[in-house]
N, C-alpha and C. Protein backbone atom coordinates (compact mmCIF):
# COMPACT_ATOMS: atom_id res chain seq x y z
N MET A 1 -7.68 28.83 20.03
CA MET A 1 -6.31 28.33 19.93
C MET A 1 -6.33 26.81 20.08
N ALA A 2 -5.72 26.12 19.15
CA ALA A 2 -5.69 24.66 19.15
C ALA A 2 -4.71 24.14 20.20
N HIS A 3 -5.06 23.02 20.77
CA HIS A 3 -4.16 22.32 21.69
C HIS A 3 -3.23 21.46 20.84
N ILE A 4 -1.93 21.51 21.12
CA ILE A 4 -0.95 20.77 20.32
C ILE A 4 -0.47 19.56 21.10
N LYS A 5 -0.59 18.39 20.48
CA LYS A 5 -0.01 17.16 21.00
C LYS A 5 1.31 16.95 20.27
N VAL A 6 2.40 16.93 21.01
CA VAL A 6 3.72 16.74 20.40
C VAL A 6 4.09 15.27 20.49
N VAL A 7 4.52 14.71 19.36
CA VAL A 7 4.91 13.31 19.26
C VAL A 7 6.44 13.26 19.11
N GLY A 8 7.10 12.63 20.06
CA GLY A 8 8.54 12.49 20.02
C GLY A 8 8.96 11.25 19.24
N VAL A 9 10.25 11.07 19.13
CA VAL A 9 10.80 9.90 18.44
C VAL A 9 10.33 8.64 19.16
N GLY A 10 9.79 7.70 18.39
CA GLY A 10 9.33 6.44 18.97
C GLY A 10 8.03 6.56 19.73
N GLU A 11 7.24 7.57 19.42
CA GLU A 11 5.94 7.77 20.07
C GLU A 11 4.85 7.87 19.02
N PHE A 12 3.60 7.80 19.47
CA PHE A 12 2.47 8.06 18.60
C PHE A 12 1.40 8.77 19.40
N ALA A 13 0.48 9.40 18.70
CA ALA A 13 -0.67 10.05 19.34
C ALA A 13 -1.89 9.82 18.47
N VAL A 14 -3.05 9.74 19.12
CA VAL A 14 -4.32 9.64 18.41
C VAL A 14 -5.26 10.70 18.98
N SER A 15 -6.19 11.15 18.15
CA SER A 15 -7.15 12.14 18.62
C SER A 15 -8.37 12.17 17.71
N ASN A 16 -9.50 12.46 18.30
CA ASN A 16 -10.70 12.78 17.54
C ASN A 16 -11.26 14.12 18.01
N ASN A 17 -10.44 14.89 18.72
CA ASN A 17 -10.81 16.20 19.23
C ASN A 17 -10.52 17.25 18.14
N PRO A 18 -11.56 17.89 17.60
CA PRO A 18 -11.33 18.84 16.51
C PRO A 18 -10.49 20.06 16.91
N ASP A 19 -10.32 20.28 18.20
CA ASP A 19 -9.52 21.42 18.66
C ASP A 19 -8.04 21.08 18.82
N GLU A 20 -7.65 19.86 18.43
CA GLU A 20 -6.26 19.45 18.61
C GLU A 20 -5.50 19.43 17.28
N VAL A 21 -4.20 19.59 17.44
CA VAL A 21 -3.24 19.47 16.36
C VAL A 21 -2.19 18.48 16.84
N ILE A 22 -1.79 17.54 15.99
CA ILE A 22 -0.74 16.59 16.33
C ILE A 22 0.49 16.98 15.52
N LYS A 23 1.64 17.03 16.20
CA LYS A 23 2.84 17.55 15.55
C LYS A 23 4.07 16.74 15.95
N THR A 24 4.95 16.50 14.98
CA THR A 24 6.24 15.90 15.28
C THR A 24 7.31 16.70 14.56
N PHE A 25 8.46 16.82 15.21
CA PHE A 25 9.51 17.70 14.73
C PHE A 25 10.70 16.94 14.15
N ALA A 26 11.35 17.57 13.20
CA ALA A 26 12.68 17.20 12.72
C ALA A 26 12.83 15.74 12.31
N LEU A 27 11.97 15.29 11.41
CA LEU A 27 12.12 13.95 10.86
C LEU A 27 13.32 13.95 9.93
N GLY A 28 14.34 13.21 10.29
CA GLY A 28 15.48 13.00 9.40
C GLY A 28 15.25 11.66 8.72
N SER A 29 15.98 10.64 9.18
CA SER A 29 15.77 9.29 8.66
C SER A 29 14.50 8.67 9.23
N CYS A 30 13.99 9.25 10.31
CA CYS A 30 12.72 8.77 10.88
C CYS A 30 11.59 9.06 9.90
N VAL A 31 10.49 8.31 10.09
CA VAL A 31 9.33 8.48 9.21
C VAL A 31 8.08 8.67 10.06
N ALA A 32 7.27 9.64 9.66
CA ALA A 32 5.95 9.82 10.27
C ALA A 32 4.93 9.17 9.35
N VAL A 33 4.04 8.39 9.95
CA VAL A 33 2.90 7.85 9.22
C VAL A 33 1.67 8.50 9.85
N ILE A 34 0.85 9.07 8.98
CA ILE A 34 -0.35 9.76 9.43
C ILE A 34 -1.55 8.96 8.97
N PHE A 35 -2.43 8.63 9.90
CA PHE A 35 -3.66 7.90 9.62
C PHE A 35 -4.83 8.86 9.81
N LEU A 36 -5.65 9.01 8.79
CA LEU A 36 -6.83 9.87 8.85
C LEU A 36 -8.05 8.99 8.63
N HIS A 37 -8.79 8.72 9.70
CA HIS A 37 -10.00 7.90 9.56
C HIS A 37 -11.16 8.86 9.32
N GLN A 38 -11.54 8.98 8.06
CA GLN A 38 -12.51 9.99 7.66
C GLN A 38 -13.89 9.83 8.29
N PRO A 39 -14.46 8.62 8.37
CA PRO A 39 -15.80 8.50 8.93
C PRO A 39 -15.92 9.01 10.38
N SER A 40 -14.90 8.79 11.18
CA SER A 40 -14.95 9.21 12.59
C SER A 40 -14.20 10.52 12.84
N ARG A 41 -13.54 11.03 11.80
CA ARG A 41 -12.71 12.24 11.92
C ARG A 41 -11.67 12.07 13.02
N SER A 42 -11.06 10.88 13.04
CA SER A 42 -10.00 10.56 14.00
C SER A 42 -8.66 10.54 13.27
N VAL A 43 -7.61 10.90 13.99
CA VAL A 43 -6.28 11.02 13.41
C VAL A 43 -5.28 10.32 14.30
N ALA A 44 -4.26 9.71 13.68
CA ALA A 44 -3.12 9.16 14.43
C ALA A 44 -1.85 9.55 13.69
N LEU A 45 -0.79 9.77 14.45
CA LEU A 45 0.52 10.04 13.88
C LEU A 45 1.54 9.26 14.69
N ILE A 46 2.40 8.52 13.99
CA ILE A 46 3.48 7.77 14.63
C ILE A 46 4.81 8.27 14.07
N HIS A 47 5.82 8.35 14.94
CA HIS A 47 7.18 8.79 14.57
C HIS A 47 8.11 7.59 14.74
N VAL A 48 8.36 6.89 13.63
CA VAL A 48 9.14 5.65 13.62
C VAL A 48 10.62 5.96 13.41
N ALA A 49 11.48 5.37 14.24
CA ALA A 49 12.92 5.60 14.15
C ALA A 49 13.65 4.52 13.37
N LEU A 50 13.24 3.26 13.56
CA LEU A 50 13.97 2.14 12.95
C LEU A 50 12.99 1.11 12.38
N PRO A 51 13.41 0.36 11.38
CA PRO A 51 12.49 -0.57 10.72
C PRO A 51 12.18 -1.84 11.48
N ASP A 52 13.12 -2.35 12.28
CA ASP A 52 12.97 -3.70 12.82
C ASP A 52 13.31 -3.75 14.30
N SER A 53 12.38 -4.22 15.10
CA SER A 53 12.58 -4.30 16.56
C SER A 53 13.56 -5.39 16.96
N GLY A 54 13.97 -6.25 16.03
CA GLY A 54 14.88 -7.33 16.35
C GLY A 54 16.22 -6.87 16.89
N ILE A 55 16.60 -5.63 16.62
CA ILE A 55 17.88 -5.14 17.13
C ILE A 55 17.84 -4.77 18.61
N ASN A 56 16.62 -4.57 19.15
CA ASN A 56 16.50 -4.22 20.57
C ASN A 56 15.13 -4.63 21.11
N PRO A 57 14.91 -5.94 21.28
CA PRO A 57 13.60 -6.41 21.74
C PRO A 57 13.19 -5.85 23.10
N ALA A 58 14.15 -5.52 23.94
CA ALA A 58 13.81 -4.98 25.26
C ALA A 58 13.12 -3.63 25.14
N MET A 59 13.45 -2.86 24.13
CA MET A 59 12.84 -1.53 23.96
C MET A 59 11.39 -1.61 23.51
N VAL A 60 11.00 -2.72 22.91
CA VAL A 60 9.64 -2.85 22.39
C VAL A 60 8.59 -2.65 23.49
N ALA A 61 8.81 -3.22 24.65
CA ALA A 61 7.85 -3.08 25.74
C ALA A 61 7.73 -1.63 26.19
N GLU A 62 8.85 -0.92 26.17
CA GLU A 62 8.86 0.47 26.62
C GLU A 62 8.35 1.44 25.55
N ARG A 63 8.77 1.22 24.29
CA ARG A 63 8.43 2.14 23.22
C ARG A 63 8.20 1.38 21.91
N PRO A 64 7.07 0.72 21.77
CA PRO A 64 6.82 -0.06 20.55
C PRO A 64 6.81 0.80 19.29
N ALA A 65 6.45 2.06 19.41
CA ALA A 65 6.37 2.93 18.23
C ALA A 65 7.74 3.31 17.68
N TYR A 66 8.80 2.97 18.38
CA TYR A 66 10.15 3.25 17.91
C TYR A 66 10.47 2.48 16.63
N PHE A 67 9.81 1.33 16.48
CA PHE A 67 10.09 0.43 15.36
C PHE A 67 8.87 0.28 14.46
N ALA A 68 9.11 0.18 13.16
CA ALA A 68 8.02 0.01 12.20
C ALA A 68 7.23 -1.26 12.48
N ASP A 69 7.92 -2.36 12.73
CA ASP A 69 7.24 -3.66 12.83
C ASP A 69 6.36 -3.79 14.07
N THR A 70 6.59 -3.02 15.11
CA THR A 70 5.75 -3.08 16.30
C THR A 70 4.89 -1.82 16.46
N GLY A 71 5.35 -0.72 15.93
CA GLY A 71 4.65 0.55 16.12
C GLY A 71 3.37 0.70 15.35
N ILE A 72 3.33 0.20 14.14
CA ILE A 72 2.11 0.34 13.34
C ILE A 72 0.95 -0.39 14.00
N ALA A 73 1.17 -1.60 14.48
CA ALA A 73 0.10 -2.35 15.14
C ALA A 73 -0.40 -1.61 16.38
N ALA A 74 0.51 -1.06 17.17
CA ALA A 74 0.12 -0.34 18.39
C ALA A 74 -0.68 0.92 18.04
N THR A 75 -0.26 1.61 17.00
CA THR A 75 -0.95 2.83 16.58
C THR A 75 -2.35 2.53 16.05
N ILE A 76 -2.44 1.51 15.21
CA ILE A 76 -3.74 1.14 14.65
C ILE A 76 -4.70 0.69 15.75
N LYS A 77 -4.20 -0.04 16.71
CA LYS A 77 -5.05 -0.49 17.83
C LYS A 77 -5.59 0.72 18.59
N ALA A 78 -4.73 1.68 18.88
CA ALA A 78 -5.17 2.88 19.61
C ALA A 78 -6.15 3.70 18.77
N LEU A 79 -5.91 3.79 17.47
CA LEU A 79 -6.82 4.53 16.60
C LEU A 79 -8.18 3.84 16.49
N ALA A 80 -8.18 2.52 16.45
CA ALA A 80 -9.45 1.78 16.40
C ALA A 80 -10.29 2.06 17.64
N GLN A 81 -9.63 2.14 18.80
CA GLN A 81 -10.34 2.45 20.04
C GLN A 81 -10.84 3.89 20.04
N CYS A 82 -10.00 4.82 19.61
CA CYS A 82 -10.36 6.23 19.58
C CYS A 82 -11.52 6.50 18.63
N SER A 83 -11.49 5.86 17.49
CA SER A 83 -12.49 6.11 16.44
C SER A 83 -13.80 5.37 16.67
N GLY A 84 -13.72 4.29 17.46
CA GLY A 84 -14.90 3.44 17.64
C GLY A 84 -15.16 2.54 16.45
N ALA A 85 -14.22 2.50 15.50
CA ALA A 85 -14.42 1.73 14.27
C ALA A 85 -14.06 0.26 14.43
N GLY A 86 -13.25 -0.06 15.42
CA GLY A 86 -12.85 -1.44 15.64
C GLY A 86 -12.24 -2.07 14.40
N ALA A 87 -12.71 -3.26 14.07
CA ALA A 87 -12.16 -4.02 12.94
C ALA A 87 -12.45 -3.36 11.60
N GLY A 88 -13.42 -2.46 11.54
CA GLY A 88 -13.76 -1.79 10.29
C GLY A 88 -12.93 -0.55 10.01
N LEU A 89 -11.82 -0.43 10.70
CA LEU A 89 -11.00 0.78 10.62
C LEU A 89 -10.48 1.06 9.22
N SER A 90 -10.19 0.04 8.43
CA SER A 90 -9.58 0.28 7.11
C SER A 90 -10.55 0.97 6.15
N LYS A 91 -11.85 0.88 6.40
CA LYS A 91 -12.82 1.56 5.55
C LYS A 91 -12.77 3.06 5.84
N GLY A 92 -12.54 3.84 4.82
CA GLY A 92 -12.48 5.28 4.99
C GLY A 92 -11.16 5.79 5.52
N MET A 93 -10.12 4.95 5.50
CA MET A 93 -8.80 5.34 6.01
C MET A 93 -7.97 5.97 4.91
N VAL A 94 -7.34 7.08 5.24
CA VAL A 94 -6.38 7.73 4.36
C VAL A 94 -5.04 7.72 5.10
N VAL A 95 -3.99 7.24 4.43
CA VAL A 95 -2.68 7.16 5.05
C VAL A 95 -1.71 8.03 4.25
N LYS A 96 -0.91 8.80 5.00
CA LYS A 96 0.12 9.63 4.38
C LYS A 96 1.44 9.38 5.11
N MET A 97 2.54 9.70 4.46
CA MET A 97 3.86 9.38 5.02
C MET A 97 4.84 10.51 4.70
N ALA A 98 5.73 10.80 5.66
CA ALA A 98 6.75 11.83 5.44
C ALA A 98 8.02 11.46 6.19
N GLY A 99 9.16 11.88 5.65
CA GLY A 99 10.45 11.65 6.30
C GLY A 99 11.32 10.73 5.48
N GLY A 100 12.10 9.92 6.18
CA GLY A 100 12.95 8.96 5.50
C GLY A 100 14.10 9.57 4.74
N ALA A 101 14.59 10.70 5.22
CA ALA A 101 15.69 11.40 4.53
C ALA A 101 17.03 10.72 4.80
N ASN A 102 18.01 11.13 4.04
CA ASN A 102 19.37 10.67 4.22
C ASN A 102 20.21 11.90 4.60
N LEU A 103 20.39 12.11 5.90
CA LEU A 103 21.05 13.33 6.37
C LEU A 103 22.53 13.16 6.68
N MET A 104 22.90 12.06 7.29
CA MET A 104 24.28 11.93 7.78
C MET A 104 24.95 10.64 7.31
N ASP A 105 24.54 10.16 6.17
CA ASP A 105 25.06 8.89 5.66
C ASP A 105 25.42 9.08 4.18
N ALA A 106 26.41 9.93 3.94
CA ALA A 106 26.78 10.32 2.57
C ALA A 106 27.11 9.13 1.68
N ASN A 107 27.64 8.06 2.25
CA ASN A 107 28.00 6.88 1.46
C ASN A 107 26.88 5.85 1.37
N ASN A 108 25.70 6.19 1.89
CA ASN A 108 24.56 5.28 1.90
C ASN A 108 24.89 3.93 2.53
N THR A 109 25.66 3.99 3.61
CA THR A 109 26.07 2.77 4.30
C THR A 109 24.91 2.10 5.00
N PHE A 110 24.08 2.89 5.67
CA PHE A 110 23.00 2.32 6.47
C PHE A 110 21.63 2.46 5.81
N ASN A 111 21.41 3.51 5.05
CA ASN A 111 20.13 3.73 4.36
C ASN A 111 18.93 3.60 5.30
N ILE A 112 19.03 4.13 6.49
CA ILE A 112 17.95 3.95 7.46
C ILE A 112 16.65 4.59 6.99
N GLY A 113 16.72 5.77 6.41
CA GLY A 113 15.51 6.42 5.92
C GLY A 113 14.79 5.56 4.90
N LYS A 114 15.51 5.09 3.91
CA LYS A 114 14.92 4.25 2.87
C LYS A 114 14.41 2.93 3.46
N ARG A 115 15.17 2.34 4.36
CA ARG A 115 14.74 1.09 4.99
C ARG A 115 13.47 1.30 5.81
N ASN A 116 13.36 2.44 6.51
CA ASN A 116 12.14 2.74 7.26
C ASN A 116 10.93 2.84 6.34
N VAL A 117 11.07 3.58 5.25
CA VAL A 117 9.96 3.74 4.30
C VAL A 117 9.53 2.39 3.75
N LEU A 118 10.49 1.57 3.31
CA LEU A 118 10.15 0.26 2.74
C LEU A 118 9.50 -0.66 3.77
N ALA A 119 10.03 -0.67 4.99
CA ALA A 119 9.45 -1.52 6.04
C ALA A 119 8.01 -1.11 6.33
N LEU A 120 7.77 0.18 6.41
CA LEU A 120 6.42 0.66 6.70
C LEU A 120 5.45 0.30 5.57
N LYS A 121 5.88 0.47 4.34
CA LYS A 121 4.99 0.13 3.22
C LYS A 121 4.69 -1.37 3.19
N LYS A 122 5.68 -2.20 3.51
CA LYS A 122 5.45 -3.65 3.55
C LYS A 122 4.43 -4.03 4.62
N ILE A 123 4.36 -3.26 5.68
CA ILE A 123 3.38 -3.51 6.74
C ILE A 123 2.01 -2.97 6.34
N LEU A 124 1.98 -1.78 5.76
CA LEU A 124 0.71 -1.11 5.46
C LEU A 124 -0.03 -1.70 4.26
N TRP A 125 0.67 -2.07 3.21
CA TRP A 125 0.02 -2.56 1.99
C TRP A 125 -0.89 -3.76 2.24
N PRO A 126 -0.45 -4.80 2.94
CA PRO A 126 -1.35 -5.94 3.16
C PRO A 126 -2.59 -5.58 4.00
N LEU A 127 -2.52 -4.48 4.73
CA LEU A 127 -3.66 -4.03 5.53
C LEU A 127 -4.62 -3.17 4.71
N GLY A 128 -4.28 -2.95 3.44
CA GLY A 128 -5.10 -2.09 2.59
C GLY A 128 -4.92 -0.63 2.95
N MET A 129 -3.77 -0.29 3.52
CA MET A 129 -3.53 1.07 4.00
C MET A 129 -2.27 1.68 3.38
N GLY A 130 -2.04 1.41 2.10
CA GLY A 130 -0.89 2.02 1.45
C GLY A 130 -1.04 3.53 1.42
N PRO A 131 0.06 4.26 1.52
CA PRO A 131 -0.02 5.73 1.53
C PRO A 131 -0.60 6.28 0.22
N VAL A 132 -1.51 7.23 0.35
CA VAL A 132 -2.08 7.91 -0.82
C VAL A 132 -1.27 9.16 -1.16
N ALA A 133 -0.46 9.61 -0.21
CA ALA A 133 0.42 10.76 -0.44
C ALA A 133 1.66 10.57 0.43
N GLU A 134 2.79 11.02 -0.10
CA GLU A 134 4.01 10.90 0.69
C GLU A 134 5.00 11.97 0.25
N ASP A 135 5.87 12.32 1.17
CA ASP A 135 7.00 13.19 0.89
C ASP A 135 8.16 12.57 1.64
N VAL A 136 8.92 11.71 0.96
CA VAL A 136 9.98 10.94 1.60
C VAL A 136 11.29 11.09 0.84
N GLY A 137 12.37 10.75 1.54
CA GLY A 137 13.69 10.79 0.93
C GLY A 137 14.29 12.18 0.97
N GLY A 138 15.21 12.43 0.09
CA GLY A 138 15.88 13.72 0.07
C GLY A 138 16.94 13.82 1.14
N SER A 139 17.40 15.03 1.35
CA SER A 139 18.47 15.25 2.34
C SER A 139 18.14 16.41 3.26
N PHE A 140 16.87 16.52 3.66
CA PHE A 140 16.45 17.58 4.57
C PHE A 140 15.43 17.03 5.56
N SER A 141 15.40 17.63 6.74
CA SER A 141 14.45 17.17 7.76
C SER A 141 13.10 17.87 7.55
N ARG A 142 12.08 17.25 8.09
CA ARG A 142 10.71 17.76 7.96
C ARG A 142 10.04 17.77 9.32
N THR A 143 9.20 18.76 9.53
CA THR A 143 8.29 18.79 10.67
C THR A 143 6.90 18.56 10.11
N VAL A 144 6.10 17.75 10.81
CA VAL A 144 4.76 17.40 10.33
C VAL A 144 3.73 17.91 11.33
N THR A 145 2.71 18.58 10.81
CA THR A 145 1.61 19.08 11.61
C THR A 145 0.31 18.58 11.01
N VAL A 146 -0.54 17.96 11.83
CA VAL A 146 -1.83 17.44 11.37
C VAL A 146 -2.94 18.10 12.17
N ALA A 147 -3.84 18.76 11.48
CA ALA A 147 -5.01 19.37 12.12
C ALA A 147 -6.12 18.32 12.18
N VAL A 148 -6.55 17.98 13.37
CA VAL A 148 -7.57 16.94 13.51
C VAL A 148 -8.87 17.35 12.84
N GLN A 149 -9.28 18.58 13.00
CA GLN A 149 -10.56 19.03 12.45
C GLN A 149 -10.62 18.90 10.92
N SER A 150 -9.59 19.35 10.24
CA SER A 150 -9.61 19.36 8.78
C SER A 150 -8.92 18.14 8.16
N GLY A 151 -8.04 17.49 8.91
CA GLY A 151 -7.25 16.39 8.37
C GLY A 151 -6.10 16.86 7.50
N ARG A 152 -5.85 18.15 7.46
CA ARG A 152 -4.75 18.69 6.65
C ARG A 152 -3.41 18.26 7.25
N VAL A 153 -2.49 17.85 6.37
CA VAL A 153 -1.15 17.45 6.77
C VAL A 153 -0.19 18.46 6.16
N ILE A 154 0.44 19.25 7.03
CA ILE A 154 1.35 20.31 6.60
C ILE A 154 2.77 19.91 6.98
N LEU A 155 3.67 19.96 6.02
CA LEU A 155 5.09 19.71 6.26
C LEU A 155 5.80 21.05 6.23
N SER A 156 6.89 21.13 7.00
CA SER A 156 7.69 22.35 6.98
C SER A 156 9.16 22.00 7.16
N CYS A 157 9.97 22.89 6.63
CA CYS A 157 11.43 22.76 6.71
C CYS A 157 11.99 24.18 6.68
N ALA A 158 12.98 24.44 7.50
CA ALA A 158 13.55 25.79 7.59
C ALA A 158 14.03 26.29 6.23
N THR A 159 14.56 25.41 5.41
CA THR A 159 15.11 25.85 4.12
C THR A 159 14.11 25.76 2.96
N LYS A 160 12.95 25.11 3.18
CA LYS A 160 12.01 24.91 2.07
C LYS A 160 10.64 25.53 2.33
N GLY A 161 10.38 26.01 3.53
CA GLY A 161 9.06 26.59 3.83
C GLY A 161 8.05 25.53 4.22
N GLU A 162 6.77 25.78 3.86
CA GLU A 162 5.66 24.88 4.19
C GLU A 162 4.99 24.37 2.93
N TRP A 163 4.48 23.14 3.00
CA TRP A 163 3.72 22.57 1.91
C TRP A 163 2.78 21.50 2.48
N GLU A 164 1.76 21.17 1.72
CA GLU A 164 0.75 20.21 2.17
C GLU A 164 0.84 18.93 1.35
N ILE A 165 0.66 17.79 2.04
CA ILE A 165 0.53 16.53 1.32
C ILE A 165 -0.84 15.94 1.60
């Protein structure tokens, strides 16, 4: 039986333990970014709520992963330590992304899901870590499960079932 690490809103987890699964629930406008470092078989998952920490700088110290602009750096740093890859982390990295839905903004007033996805891509692309697979947008929430041993990323939704990205 696998040990499950649950990642809440504004949190991240890293692991290189093949007996672990990393999981985050009910991504609406939030976005999960999954990092799979193939050479070390290490995995990270971050659950980002908002694109820019400028709206609440005080929260950054408490929960840097809440924001795209501070969370990605914190997650990559932790993954580099976990994997032992250090500065060479981008070699052999596979990045996937899920979430960014529009659930409660029928008039597209805030577009938080879309803004989260765009902010994350703007951060990841210059690092050479653009997503190779994604399931973003739409009007339904997603749960993400990542098996550390296989690197499989499974999405699920009560109304749509399960699928892999």
